Amino acid sequence: MDEVNKEIFLNTYSKYQFFLFPFFVVIPTILIGYFVLYPQLTRLLSSQNQIASVNKKTVLLNEKILKLKGVDEEQIKQDLAVTLQVLPQDVDFANSLGIIQNLANQYQFLMINFQTSKLTDSKSLKLSSYTLSLDLLGPKSLLKRFVDSINSNFRLMKVARLEINTPPARDEATALITVEVFSSQIPTSIGTAETPLPEITKDDEELLDKLASTRPIVIEEVIPQGPRGKTNPFE
Protein backbone atom coordinates (compact mmCIF):
# COMPACT_ATOMS: atom_id res chain seq x y z
CA MET A 1 0.00 0.00 0.00
CA ASP A 2 2.84 2.34 0.82
CA GLU A 3 4.61 1.49 -2.39
CA VAL A 4 1.47 2.22 -4.36
CA ASN A 5 0.97 5.60 -2.65
CA LYS A 6 4.59 6.53 -3.20
CA GLU A 7 4.34 5.67 -6.88
CA ILE A 8 1.14 7.68 -7.21
CA PHE A 9 2.81 10.67 -5.53
CA LEU A 10 5.85 10.49 -7.80
CA ASN A 11 3.69 10.24 -10.89
CA THR A 12 1.57 13.16 -9.74
CA TYR A 13 4.63 15.30 -8.89
CA SER A 14 6.26 14.50 -12.23
CA LYS A 15 3.09 15.49 -14.01
CA TYR A 16 2.51 18.78 -12.13
CA GLN A 17 6.05 19.80 -11.17
CA PHE A 18 6.02 22.76 -13.58
CA PHE A 19 3.04 24.14 -11.69
CA LEU A 20 4.06 23.16 -8.19
CA PHE A 21 7.61 24.57 -8.40
CA PRO A 22 6.53 28.14 -9.11
CA PHE A 23 3.87 27.95 -6.44
CA PHE A 24 6.07 26.63 -3.64
CA VAL A 25 9.42 28.23 -4.60
CA VAL A 26 9.17 31.22 -6.94
CA ILE A 27 6.16 32.91 -5.39
CA PRO A 28 7.50 32.77 -1.79
CA THR A 29 10.84 34.09 -3.06
CA ILE A 30 9.08 37.02 -4.71
CA LEU A 31 7.06 37.73 -1.57
CA ILE A 32 10.17 37.63 0.61
CA GLY A 33 11.95 39.99 -1.77
CA TYR A 34 9.01 42.42 -1.81
CA PHE A 35 8.28 42.51 1.92
CA VAL A 36 11.83 42.14 3.26
CA LEU A 37 14.49 43.08 0.74
CA TYR A 38 12.67 45.96 -1.03
CA PRO A 39 12.13 48.09 2.12
CA GLN A 40 15.74 47.58 3.14
CA LEU A 41 16.96 48.53 -0.33
CA THR A 42 14.71 51.60 -0.34
CA ARG A 43 16.05 52.73 3.05
CA LEU A 44 19.59 52.17 1.84
CA LEU A 45 19.06 54.31 -1.28
CA SER A 46 17.31 56.98 0.79
CA SER A 47 20.22 57.06 3.23
CA GLN A 48 22.69 57.40 0.37
CA ASN A 49 20.68 60.30 -1.09
CA GLN A 50 20.57 62.00 2.30
CA ILE A 51 24.32 61.56 2.72
CA ALA A 52 24.91 63.03 -0.75
CA SER A 53 22.63 65.98 0.07
CA VAL A 54 24.44 66.64 3.36
CA ASN A 55 27.82 66.47 1.63
CA LYS A 56 26.63 68.95 -1.00
CA LYS A 57 25.38 71.37 1.65
CA THR A 58 28.65 71.01 3.54
CA VAL A 59 30.66 71.93 0.45
CA LEU A 60 28.45 74.98 -0.21
CA LEU A 61 28.66 76.13 3.40
CA ASN A 62 32.45 75.80 3.39
CA GLU A 63 32.57 77.92 0.21
CA LYS A 64 30.39 80.55 1.89
CA ILE A 65 32.61 80.56 4.96
CA LEU A 66 35.69 81.17 2.82
CA LYS A 67 33.97 84.04 1.00
CA LEU A 68 32.73 85.59 4.24
CA LYS A 69 36.24 85.49 5.71
CA GLY A 70 37.41 87.68 2.83
CA VAL A 71 34.69 90.31 3.33
CA ASP A 72 35.71 93.74 4.64
CA GLU A 73 33.24 94.24 7.50
CA GLU A 74 33.84 97.98 7.81
CA GLN A 75 33.24 98.50 4.10
CA ILE A 76 30.04 96.46 4.27
CA LYS A 77 28.82 98.57 7.20
CA GLN A 78 29.54 101.79 5.27
CA ASP A 79 27.81 100.48 2.14
CA LEU A 80 24.80 99.39 4.21
CA ALA A 81 24.59 102.79 5.90
CA VAL A 82 24.64 104.55 2.51
CA THR A 83 22.02 102.19 1.11
CA LEU A 84 19.66 102.68 4.05
CA GLN A 85 19.98 106.46 3.75
CA VAL A 86 19.03 106.31 0.08
CA LEU A 87 16.39 103.61 0.45
CA PRO A 88 15.42 103.03 4.10
CA GLN A 89 13.21 100.19 5.25
CA ASP A 90 11.17 102.37 7.61
CA VAL A 91 8.49 104.83 6.56
CA ASP A 92 10.22 108.18 7.06
CA PHE A 93 7.50 110.78 6.49
CA ALA A 94 9.23 113.39 8.66
CA ASN A 95 12.64 112.95 7.06
CA SER A 96 11.31 113.03 3.47
CA LEU A 97 9.13 116.03 4.21
CA GLY A 98 12.08 117.76 5.84
CA ILE A 99 14.25 117.18 2.76
CA ILE A 100 11.60 118.72 0.50
CA GLN A 101 11.05 121.60 2.93
CA ASN A 102 14.78 122.34 2.91
CA LEU A 103 14.83 122.32 -0.90
CA ALA A 104 11.74 124.54 -0.98
CA ASN A 105 13.47 127.08 1.26
CA GLN A 106 16.56 126.91 -0.93
CA TYR A 107 14.52 127.82 -4.04
CA GLN A 108 12.31 130.36 -2.23
CA PHE A 109 9.13 128.26 -2.19
CA LEU A 110 6.64 128.41 0.65
CA MET A 111 4.95 125.14 1.63
CA ILE A 112 1.31 125.99 2.27
CA ASN A 113 -0.08 122.52 2.89
CA PHE A 114 0.83 118.85 2.57
CA GLN A 115 -0.83 115.42 2.71
CA THR A 116 0.60 111.91 2.99
CA SER A 117 -0.67 108.60 1.63
CA LYS A 118 -0.49 105.04 2.91
CA LEU A 119 2.42 102.77 2.09
CA THR A 120 1.90 100.55 -0.98
CA ASP A 121 4.02 97.65 -2.24
CA SER A 122 5.21 97.09 -5.80
CA LYS A 123 5.88 93.39 -6.51
CA SER A 124 7.55 94.12 -9.85
CA LEU A 125 10.07 96.59 -8.37
CA LYS A 126 10.31 94.90 -4.94
CA LEU A 127 9.91 98.36 -3.41
CA SER A 128 7.37 100.12 -1.23
CA SER A 129 6.33 103.72 -1.75
CA TYR A 130 4.12 106.46 -0.39
CA THR A 131 3.27 109.91 -1.75
CA LEU A 132 3.55 113.44 -0.41
CA SER A 133 1.09 115.92 -1.93
CA LEU A 134 2.40 119.47 -1.50
CA ASP A 135 0.86 122.90 -2.09
CA LEU A 136 3.63 125.42 -2.70
CA LEU A 137 3.96 129.06 -3.64
CA GLY A 138 7.14 130.48 -5.13
CA PRO A 139 8.97 132.02 -8.08
CA LYS A 140 8.00 130.58 -11.46
CA SER A 141 11.55 131.00 -12.77
CA LEU A 142 12.93 128.60 -10.13
CA LEU A 143 10.20 125.94 -10.34
CA LYS A 144 12.02 123.68 -12.81
CA ARG A 145 15.22 123.74 -10.75
CA PHE A 146 13.21 122.98 -7.62
CA VAL A 147 11.55 119.96 -9.28
CA ASP A 148 14.91 118.73 -10.61
CA SER A 149 16.41 118.99 -7.14
CA ILE A 150 13.67 116.72 -5.77
CA ASN A 151 14.30 114.12 -8.47
CA SER A 152 18.07 114.16 -8.01
CA ASN A 153 18.45 114.46 -4.24
CA PHE A 154 20.12 111.84 -2.03
CA ARG A 155 16.87 110.23 -0.81
CA LEU A 156 15.23 108.11 -3.54
CA MET A 157 12.06 109.96 -4.63
CA LYS A 158 10.53 111.41 -7.78
CA VAL A 159 7.94 113.98 -8.79
CA ALA A 160 4.99 111.91 -10.00
CA ARG A 161 2.58 114.78 -10.74
CA LEU A 162 2.83 118.54 -11.17
CA GLU A 163 0.04 121.10 -11.54
CA ILE A 164 0.95 124.78 -11.97
CA ASN A 165 -1.11 127.94 -11.76
CA THR A 166 0.75 131.10 -12.80
CA PRO A 167 -0.81 134.58 -12.67
CA PRO A 168 -0.08 136.66 -15.78
CA ALA A 169 2.85 139.09 -15.79
CA ARG A 170 4.12 137.89 -12.42
CA ASP A 171 7.06 135.67 -11.52
CA GLU A 172 4.96 133.66 -9.12
CA ALA A 173 3.54 130.15 -9.33
CA THR A 174 1.20 128.10 -7.23
CA ALA A 175 2.18 124.46 -7.63
CA LEU A 176 0.55 121.22 -6.55
CA ILE A 177 3.33 118.62 -6.50
CA THR A 178 2.89 114.91 -5.80
CA VAL A 179 6.17 113.27 -4.80
CA GLU A 180 6.53 109.47 -4.72
CA VAL A 181 8.96 108.38 -2.01
CA PHE A 182 10.42 104.86 -2.12
CA SER A 183 11.40 102.43 0.63
CA SER A 184 12.90 98.96 0.49
CA GLN A 185 10.79 95.96 1.46
CA ILE A 186 12.04 93.90 4.39
CA PRO A 187 13.18 90.45 3.15
CA THR A 188 10.95 87.60 4.33
CA SER A 189 13.71 84.99 3.94
CA ILE A 190 17.50 84.95 4.06
CA GLY A 191 17.73 81.92 1.79
CA THR A 192 18.93 78.37 2.34
CA ALA A 193 22.27 76.58 2.35
CA GLU A 194 21.92 76.05 -1.40
CA THR A 195 21.37 79.77 -2.05
CA PRO A 196 24.60 81.37 -3.30
CA LEU A 197 25.93 84.43 -1.53
CA PRO A 198 25.02 87.70 -3.28
CA GLU A 199 28.12 89.45 -4.53
CA ILE A 200 28.72 93.16 -5.07
CA THR A 201 29.62 93.75 -8.70
CA LYS A 202 31.87 96.47 -10.08
CA ASP A 203 28.81 98.47 -11.16
CA ASP A 204 27.43 98.19 -7.62
CA GLU A 205 30.69 99.49 -6.19
CA GLU A 206 30.70 102.46 -8.57
CA LEU A 207 27.11 103.29 -7.65
CA LEU A 208 27.84 103.04 -3.92
CA ASP A 209 30.89 105.31 -4.32
CA LYS A 210 28.77 107.84 -6.19
CA LEU A 211 26.06 107.76 -3.52
CA ALA A 212 28.60 108.03 -0.72
CA SER A 213 30.12 111.14 -2.32
CA THR A 214 26.71 112.86 -2.38
CA ARG A 215 26.06 114.90 0.72
CA PRO A 216 22.71 113.91 2.25
CA ILE A 217 20.35 116.49 3.67
CA VAL A 218 19.93 115.78 7.37
CA ILE A 219 16.82 117.10 9.07
CA GLU A 220 16.81 116.91 12.84
CA GLU A 221 13.30 118.24 13.37
CA VAL A 222 10.45 119.17 11.04
CA ILE A 223 7.86 121.73 12.10
CA PRO A 224 5.03 121.99 9.53
CA GLN A 225 3.95 125.52 8.78
CA GLY A 226 0.48 126.45 9.97
CA PRO A 227 -1.67 129.55 10.25
CA ARG A 228 0.02 132.52 11.85
CA GLY A 229 -1.27 134.23 14.96
CA LYS A 230 -2.10 133.28 18.50
CA THR A 231 -3.40 129.85 19.36
CA ASN A 232 -6.12 131.40 21.53
CA PRO A 233 -7.46 134.66 19.97
CA PHE A 234 -9.01 135.73 23.30
CA GLU A 235 -5.65 135.95 25.11
C-alpha atoms as a PDB file:
ATOM      1  CA  MET A   1       0.000   0.000   0.000  1.00  0.00           C
ATOM      2  CA  ASP A   2       2.842   2.339   0.823  1.00  0.00           C
ATOM      3  CA  GLU A   3       4.610   1.488  -2.388  1.00  0.00           C
ATOM      4  CA  VAL A   4       1.467   2.221  -4.358  1.00  0.00           C
ATOM      5  CA  ASN A   5       0.974   5.604  -2.649  1.00  0.00           C
ATOM      6  CA  LYS A   6       4.590   6.529  -3.204  1.00  0.00           C
ATOM      7  CA  GLU A   7       4.341   5.669  -6.883  1.00  0.00           C
ATOM      8  CA  ILE A   8       1.143   7.680  -7.212  1.00  0.00           C
ATOM      9  CA  PHE A   9       2.806  10.674  -5.525  1.00  0.00           C
ATOM     10  CA  LEU A  10       5.852  10.485  -7.799  1.00  0.00           C
ATOM     11  CA  ASN A  11       3.694  10.237 -10.888  1.00  0.00           C
ATOM     12  CA  THR A  12       1.571  13.165  -9.744  1.00  0.00           C
ATOM     13  CA  TYR A  13       4.632  15.301  -8.886  1.00  0.00           C
ATOM     14  CA  SER A  14       6.263  14.498 -12.234  1.00  0.00           C
ATOM     15  CA  LYS A  15       3.089  15.493 -14.011  1.00  0.00           C
ATOM     16  CA  TYR A  16       2.510  18.775 -12.130  1.00  0.00           C
ATOM     17  CA  GLN A  17       6.045  19.802 -11.172  1.00  0.00           C
ATOM     18  CA  PHE A  18       6.020  22.760 -13.578  1.00  0.00           C
ATOM     19  CA  PHE A  19       3.039  24.137 -11.694  1.00  0.00           C
ATOM     20  CA  LEU A  20       4.061  23.158  -8.186  1.00  0.00           C
ATOM     21  CA  PHE A  21       7.611  24.567  -8.400  1.00  0.00           C
ATOM     22  CA  PRO A  22       6.531  28.139  -9.110  1.00  0.00           C
ATOM     23  CA  PHE A  23       3.874  27.951  -6.445  1.00  0.00           C
ATOM     24  CA  PHE A  24       6.074  26.626  -3.645  1.00  0.00           C
ATOM     25  CA  VAL A  25       9.419  28.228  -4.602  1.00  0.00           C
ATOM     26  CA  VAL A  26       9.170  31.216  -6.940  1.00  0.00           C
ATOM     27  CA  ILE A  27       6.161  32.914  -5.390  1.00  0.00           C
ATOM     28  CA  PRO A  28       7.504  32.773  -1.790  1.00  0.00           C
ATOM     29  CA  THR A  29      10.835  34.085  -3.057  1.00  0.00           C
ATOM     30  CA  ILE A  30       9.082  37.024  -4.707  1.00  0.00           C
ATOM     31  CA  LEU A  31       7.064  37.725  -1.575  1.00  0.00           C
ATOM     32  CA  ILE A  32      10.173  37.634   0.613  1.00  0.00           C
ATOM     33  CA  GLY A  33      11.948  39.989  -1.772  1.00  0.00           C
ATOM     34  CA  TYR A  34       9.010  42.425  -1.809  1.00  0.00           C
ATOM     35  CA  PHE A  35       8.282  42.514   1.921  1.00  0.00           C
ATOM     36  CA  VAL A  36      11.826  42.139   3.257  1.00  0.00           C
ATOM     37  CA  LEU A  37      14.488  43.084   0.738  1.00  0.00           C
ATOM     38  CA  TYR A  38      12.669  45.964  -1.034  1.00  0.00           C
ATOM     39  CA  PRO A  39      12.132  48.087   2.117  1.00  0.00           C
ATOM     40  CA  GLN A  40      15.745  47.579   3.138  1.00  0.00           C
ATOM     41  CA  LEU A  41      16.963  48.531  -0.334  1.00  0.00           C
ATOM     42  CA  THR A  42      14.712  51.602  -0.339  1.00  0.00           C
ATOM     43  CA  ARG A  43      16.045  52.726   3.047  1.00  0.00           C
ATOM     44  CA  LEU A  44      19.594  52.169   1.838  1.00  0.00           C
ATOM     45  CA  LEU A  45      19.061  54.305  -1.276  1.00  0.00           C
ATOM     46  CA  SER A  46      17.309  56.977   0.787  1.00  0.00           C
ATOM     47  CA  SER A  47      20.219  57.059   3.231  1.00  0.00           C
ATOM     48  CA  GLN A  48      22.689  57.398   0.374  1.00  0.00           C
ATOM     49  CA  ASN A  49      20.676  60.298  -1.091  1.00  0.00           C
ATOM     50  CA  GLN A  50      20.574  62.001   2.302  1.00  0.00           C
ATOM     51  CA  ILE A  51      24.317  61.561   2.725  1.00  0.00           C
ATOM     52  CA  ALA A  52      24.915  63.031  -0.748  1.00  0.00           C
ATOM     53  CA  SER A  53      22.632  65.984   0.072  1.00  0.00           C
ATOM     54  CA  VAL A  54      24.440  66.640   3.362  1.00  0.00           C
ATOM     55  CA  ASN A  55      27.822  66.469   1.629  1.00  0.00           C
ATOM     56  CA  LYS A  56      26.631  68.948  -1.005  1.00  0.00           C
ATOM     57  CA  LYS A  57      25.376  71.372   1.647  1.00  0.00           C
ATOM     58  CA  THR A  58      28.649  71.014   3.543  1.00  0.00           C
ATOM     59  CA  VAL A  59      30.661  71.932   0.449  1.00  0.00           C
ATOM     60  CA  LEU A  60      28.446  74.975  -0.214  1.00  0.00           C
ATOM     61  CA  LEU A  61      28.663  76.132   3.403  1.00  0.00           C
ATOM     62  CA  ASN A  62      32.449  75.799   3.387  1.00  0.00           C
ATOM     63  CA  GLU A  63      32.575  77.917   0.215  1.00  0.00           C
ATOM     64  CA  LYS A  64      30.386  80.548   1.887  1.00  0.00           C
ATOM     65  CA  ILE A  65      32.613  80.561   4.965  1.00  0.00           C
ATOM     66  CA  LEU A  66      35.694  81.174   2.820  1.00  0.00           C
ATOM     67  CA  LYS A  67      33.967  84.037   1.002  1.00  0.00           C
ATOM     68  CA  LEU A  68      32.732  85.594   4.239  1.00  0.00           C
ATOM     69  CA  LYS A  69      36.239  85.488   5.710  1.00  0.00           C
ATOM     70  CA  GLY A  70      37.410  87.675   2.829  1.00  0.00           C
ATOM     71  CA  VAL A  71      34.694  90.306   3.333  1.00  0.00           C
ATOM     72  CA  ASP A  72      35.710  93.740   4.639  1.00  0.00           C
ATOM     73  CA  GLU A  73      33.239  94.235   7.498  1.00  0.00           C
ATOM     74  CA  GLU A  74      33.837  97.980   7.814  1.00  0.00           C
ATOM     75  CA  GLN A  75      33.244  98.503   4.102  1.00  0.00           C
ATOM     76  CA  ILE A  76      30.038  96.462   4.267  1.00  0.00           C
ATOM     77  CA  LYS A  77      28.817  98.572   7.199  1.00  0.00           C
ATOM     78  CA  GLN A  78      29.543 101.786   5.273  1.00  0.00           C
ATOM     79  CA  ASP A  79      27.807 100.485   2.144  1.00  0.00           C
ATOM     80  CA  LEU A  80      24.800  99.393   4.205  1.00  0.00           C
ATOM     81  CA  ALA A  81      24.588 102.790   5.899  1.00  0.00           C
ATOM     82  CA  VAL A  82      24.643 104.545   2.515  1.00  0.00           C
ATOM     83  CA  THR A  83      22.016 102.185   1.105  1.00  0.00           C
ATOM     84  CA  LEU A  84      19.663 102.680   4.054  1.00  0.00           C
ATOM     85  CA  GLN A  85      19.977 106.459   3.745  1.00  0.00           C
ATOM     86  CA  VAL A  86      19.029 106.312   0.081  1.00  0.00           C
ATOM     87  CA  LEU A  87      16.388 103.608   0.449  1.00  0.00           C
ATOM     88  CA  PRO A  88      15.419 103.034   4.096  1.00  0.00           C
ATOM     89  CA  GLN A  89      13.207 100.194   5.250  1.00  0.00           C
ATOM     90  CA  ASP A  90      11.169 102.369   7.608  1.00  0.00           C
ATOM     91  CA  VAL A  91       8.488 104.829   6.555  1.00  0.00           C
ATOM     92  CA  ASP A  92      10.215 108.180   7.061  1.00  0.00           C
ATOM     93  CA  PHE A  93       7.497 110.777   6.494  1.00  0.00           C
ATOM     94  CA  ALA A  94       9.226 113.388   8.655  1.00  0.00           C
ATOM     95  CA  ASN A  95      12.644 112.952   7.056  1.00  0.00           C
ATOM     96  CA  SER A  96      11.306 113.032   3.474  1.00  0.00           C
ATOM     97  CA  LEU A  97       9.131 116.034   4.207  1.00  0.00           C
ATOM     98  CA  GLY A  98      12.082 117.760   5.837  1.00  0.00           C
ATOM     99  CA  ILE A  99      14.248 117.184   2.760  1.00  0.00           C
ATOM    100  CA  ILE A 100      11.602 118.717   0.497  1.00  0.00           C
ATOM    101  CA  GLN A 101      11.052 121.596   2.932  1.00  0.00           C
ATOM    102  CA  ASN A 102      14.775 122.335   2.913  1.00  0.00           C
ATOM    103  CA  LEU A 103      14.835 122.316  -0.903  1.00  0.00           C
ATOM    104  CA  ALA A 104      11.740 124.537  -0.980  1.00  0.00           C
ATOM    105  CA  ASN A 105      13.470 127.077   1.263  1.00  0.00           C
ATOM    106  CA  GLN A 106      16.559 126.912  -0.932  1.00  0.00           C
ATOM    107  CA  TYR A 107      14.522 127.819  -4.041  1.00  0.00           C
ATOM    108  CA  GLN A 108      12.312 130.356  -2.225  1.00  0.00           C
ATOM    109  CA  PHE A 109       9.127 128.260  -2.188  1.00  0.00           C
ATOM    110  CA  LEU A 110       6.638 128.410   0.655  1.00  0.00           C
ATOM    111  CA  MET A 111       4.955 125.139   1.627  1.00  0.00           C
ATOM    112  CA  ILE A 112       1.309 125.991   2.268  1.00  0.00           C
ATOM    113  CA  ASN A 113      -0.075 122.521   2.892  1.00  0.00           C
ATOM    114  CA  PHE A 114       0.829 118.850   2.568  1.00  0.00           C
ATOM    115  CA  GLN A 115      -0.827 115.424   2.709  1.00  0.00           C
ATOM    116  CA  THR A 116       0.600 111.912   2.990  1.00  0.00           C
ATOM    117  CA  SER A 117      -0.667 108.604   1.625  1.00  0.00           C
ATOM    118  CA  LYS A 118      -0.495 105.044   2.908  1.00  0.00           C
ATOM    119  CA  LEU A 119       2.420 102.774   2.088  1.00  0.00           C
ATOM    120  CA  THR A 120       1.905 100.555  -0.978  1.00  0.00           C
ATOM    121  CA  ASP A 121       4.020  97.653  -2.243  1.00  0.00           C
ATOM    122  CA  SER A 122       5.207  97.092  -5.804  1.00  0.00           C
ATOM    123  CA  LYS A 123       5.883  93.390  -6.510  1.00  0.00           C
ATOM    124  CA  SER A 124       7.552  94.117  -9.852  1.00  0.00           C
ATOM    125  CA  LEU A 125      10.072  96.586  -8.372  1.00  0.00           C
ATOM    126  CA  LYS A 126      10.305  94.899  -4.937  1.00  0.00           C
ATOM    127  CA  LEU A 127       9.906  98.363  -3.415  1.00  0.00           C
ATOM    128  CA  SER A 128       7.373 100.118  -1.230  1.00  0.00           C
ATOM    129  CA  SER A 129       6.326 103.715  -1.746  1.00  0.00           C
ATOM    130  CA  TYR A 130       4.124 106.464  -0.394  1.00  0.00           C
ATOM    131  CA  THR A 131       3.272 109.912  -1.746  1.00  0.00           C
ATOM    132  CA  LEU A 132       3.547 113.444  -0.414  1.00  0.00           C
ATOM    133  CA  SER A 133       1.085 115.923  -1.926  1.00  0.00           C
ATOM    134  CA  LEU A 134       2.402 119.466  -1.499  1.00  0.00           C
ATOM    135  CA  ASP A 135       0.856 122.898  -2.087  1.00  0.00           C
ATOM    136  CA  LEU A 136       3.632 125.424  -2.699  1.00  0.00           C
ATOM    137  CA  LEU A 137       3.963 129.064  -3.642  1.00  0.00           C
ATOM    138  CA  GLY A 138       7.137 130.480  -5.127  1.00  0.00           C
ATOM    139  CA  PRO A 139       8.973 132.016  -8.085  1.00  0.00           C
ATOM    140  CA  LYS A 140       8.004 130.580 -11.457  1.00  0.00           C
ATOM    141  CA  SER A 141      11.546 131.002 -12.773  1.00  0.00           C
ATOM    142  CA  LEU A 142      12.928 128.595 -10.135  1.00  0.00           C
ATOM    143  CA  LEU A 143      10.197 125.944 -10.336  1.00  0.00           C
ATOM    144  CA  LYS A 144      12.019 123.677 -12.806  1.00  0.00           C
ATOM    145  CA  ARG A 145      15.218 123.744 -10.749  1.00  0.00           C
ATOM    146  CA  PHE A 146      13.212 122.981  -7.625  1.00  0.00           C
ATOM    147  CA  VAL A 147      11.549 119.960  -9.281  1.00  0.00           C
ATOM    148  CA  ASP A 148      14.912 118.732 -10.615  1.00  0.00           C
ATOM    149  CA  SER A 149      16.415 118.991  -7.143  1.00  0.00           C
ATOM    150  CA  ILE A 150      13.672 116.725  -5.766  1.00  0.00           C
ATOM    151  CA  ASN A 151      14.297 114.119  -8.470  1.00  0.00           C
ATOM    152  CA  SER A 152      18.073 114.156  -8.008  1.00  0.00           C
ATOM    153  CA  ASN A 153      18.449 114.465  -4.237  1.00  0.00           C
ATOM    154  CA  PHE A 154      20.120 111.839  -2.032  1.00  0.00           C
ATOM    155  CA  ARG A 155      16.870 110.228  -0.815  1.00  0.00           C
ATOM    156  CA  LEU A 156      15.225 108.113  -3.542  1.00  0.00           C
ATOM    157  CA  MET A 157      12.057 109.957  -4.632  1.00  0.00           C
ATOM    158  CA  LYS A 158      10.534 111.408  -7.784  1.00  0.00           C
ATOM    159  CA  VAL A 159       7.939 113.985  -8.793  1.00  0.00           C
ATOM    160  CA  ALA A 160       4.990 111.913  -9.997  1.00  0.00           C
ATOM    161  CA  ARG A 161       2.580 114.777 -10.741  1.00  0.00           C
ATOM    162  CA  LEU A 162       2.828 118.537 -11.167  1.00  0.00           C
ATOM    163  CA  GLU A 163       0.039 121.103 -11.538  1.00  0.00           C
ATOM    164  CA  ILE A 164       0.953 124.781 -11.973  1.00  0.00           C
ATOM    165  CA  ASN A 165      -1.111 127.943 -11.761  1.00  0.00           C
ATOM    166  CA  THR A 166       0.751 131.097 -12.801  1.00  0.00           C
ATOM    167  CA  PRO A 167      -0.809 134.575 -12.665  1.00  0.00           C
ATOM    168  CA  PRO A 168      -0.082 136.660 -15.784  1.00  0.00           C
ATOM    169  CA  ALA A 169       2.848 139.089 -15.793  1.00  0.00           C
ATOM    170  CA  ARG A 170       4.118 137.888 -12.420  1.00  0.00           C
ATOM    171  CA  ASP A 171       7.062 135.669 -11.520  1.00  0.00           C
ATOM    172  CA  GLU A 172       4.956 133.663  -9.123  1.00  0.00           C
ATOM    173  CA  ALA A 173       3.544 130.155  -9.326  1.00  0.00           C
ATOM    174  CA  THR A 174       1.195 128.101  -7.233  1.00  0.00           C
ATOM    175  CA  ALA A 175       2.179 124.464  -7.627  1.00  0.00           C
ATOM    176  CA  LEU A 176       0.552 121.216  -6.547  1.00  0.00           C
ATOM    177  CA  ILE A 177       3.335 118.624  -6.501  1.00  0.00           C
ATOM    178  CA  THR A 178       2.890 114.915  -5.799  1.00  0.00           C
ATOM    179  CA  VAL A 179       6.167 113.269  -4.799  1.00  0.00           C
ATOM    180  CA  GLU A 180       6.525 109.473  -4.719  1.00  0.00           C
ATOM    181  CA  VAL A 181       8.960 108.380  -2.009  1.00  0.00           C
ATOM    182  CA  PHE A 182      10.415 104.860  -2.122  1.00  0.00           C
ATOM    183  CA  SER A 183      11.395 102.434   0.633  1.00  0.00           C
ATOM    184  CA  SER A 184      12.896  98.963   0.489  1.00  0.00           C
ATOM    185  CA  GLN A 185      10.787  95.963   1.456  1.00  0.00           C
ATOM    186  CA  ILE A 186      12.042  93.899   4.388  1.00  0.00           C
ATOM    187  CA  PRO A 187      13.177  90.449   3.151  1.00  0.00           C
ATOM    188  CA  THR A 188      10.954  87.598   4.332  1.00  0.00           C
ATOM    189  CA  SER A 189      13.707  84.991   3.939  1.00  0.00           C
ATOM    190  CA  ILE A 190      17.498  84.951   4.064  1.00  0.00           C
ATOM    191  CA  GLY A 191      17.726  81.921   1.787  1.00  0.00           C
ATOM    192  CA  THR A 192      18.926  78.365   2.342  1.00  0.00           C
ATOM    193  CA  ALA A 193      22.266  76.584   2.346  1.00  0.00           C
ATOM    194  CA  GLU A 194      21.925  76.051  -1.403  1.00  0.00           C
ATOM    195  CA  THR A 195      21.375  79.767  -2.046  1.00  0.00           C
ATOM    196  CA  PRO A 196      24.603  81.367  -3.300  1.00  0.00           C
ATOM    197  CA  LEU A 197      25.933  84.435  -1.535  1.00  0.00           C
ATOM    198  CA  PRO A 198      25.019  87.701  -3.276  1.00  0.00           C
ATOM    199  CA  GLU A 199      28.118  89.452  -4.526  1.00  0.00           C
ATOM    200  CA  ILE A 200      28.724  93.158  -5.071  1.00  0.00           C
ATOM    201  CA  THR A 201      29.624  93.753  -8.703  1.00  0.00           C
ATOM    202  CA  LYS A 202      31.868  96.473 -10.079  1.00  0.00           C
ATOM    203  CA  ASP A 203      28.809  98.467 -11.161  1.00  0.00           C
ATOM    204  CA  ASP A 204      27.425  98.187  -7.624  1.00  0.00           C
ATOM    205  CA  GLU A 205      30.693  99.489  -6.185  1.00  0.00           C
ATOM    206  CA  GLU A 206      30.702 102.464  -8.566  1.00  0.00           C
ATOM    207  CA  LEU A 207      27.107 103.290  -7.649  1.00  0.00           C
ATOM    208  CA  LEU A 208      27.841 103.045  -3.921  1.00  0.00           C
ATOM    209  CA  ASP A 209      30.887 105.308  -4.315  1.00  0.00           C
ATOM    210  CA  LYS A 210      28.769 107.838  -6.193  1.00  0.00           C
ATOM    211  CA  LEU A 211      26.060 107.764  -3.524  1.00  0.00           C
ATOM    212  CA  ALA A 212      28.596 108.032  -0.715  1.00  0.00           C
ATOM    213  CA  SER A 213      30.115 111.139  -2.318  1.00  0.00           C
ATOM    214  CA  THR A 214      26.708 112.858  -2.382  1.00  0.00           C
ATOM    215  CA  ARG A 215      26.059 114.901   0.718  1.00  0.00           C
ATOM    216  CA  PRO A 216      22.713 113.911   2.246  1.00  0.00           C
ATOM    217  CA  ILE A 217      20.347 116.491   3.665  1.00  0.00           C
ATOM    218  CA  VAL A 218      19.931 115.783   7.366  1.00  0.00           C
ATOM    219  CA  ILE A 219      16.818 117.102   9.068  1.00  0.00           C
ATOM    220  CA  GLU A 220      16.813 116.913  12.845  1.00  0.00           C
ATOM    221  CA  GLU A 221      13.299 118.243  13.373  1.00  0.00           C
ATOM    222  CA  VAL A 222      10.449 119.167  11.045  1.00  0.00           C
ATOM    223  CA  ILE A 223       7.865 121.728  12.095  1.00  0.00           C
ATOM    224  CA  PRO A 224       5.033 121.990   9.526  1.00  0.00           C
ATOM    225  CA  GLN A 225       3.946 125.524   8.779  1.00  0.00           C
ATOM    226  CA  GLY A 226       0.479 126.449   9.968  1.00  0.00           C
ATOM    227  CA  PRO A 227      -1.667 129.551  10.253  1.00  0.00           C
ATOM    228  CA  ARG A 228       0.024 132.522  11.855  1.00  0.00           C
ATOM    229  CA  GLY A 229      -1.269 134.234  14.962  1.00  0.00           C
ATOM    230  CA  LYS A 230      -2.103 133.284  18.495  1.00  0.00           C
ATOM    231  CA  THR A 231      -3.400 129.849  19.362  1.00  0.00           C
ATOM    232  CA  ASN A 232      -6.117 131.396  21.530  1.00  0.00           C
ATOM    233  CA  PRO A 233      -7.460 134.657  19.967  1.00  0.00           C
ATOM    234  CA  PHE A 234      -9.008 135.730  23.305  1.00  0.00           C
ATOM    235  CA  GLU A 235      -5.654 135.948  25.110  1.00  0.00           C
END
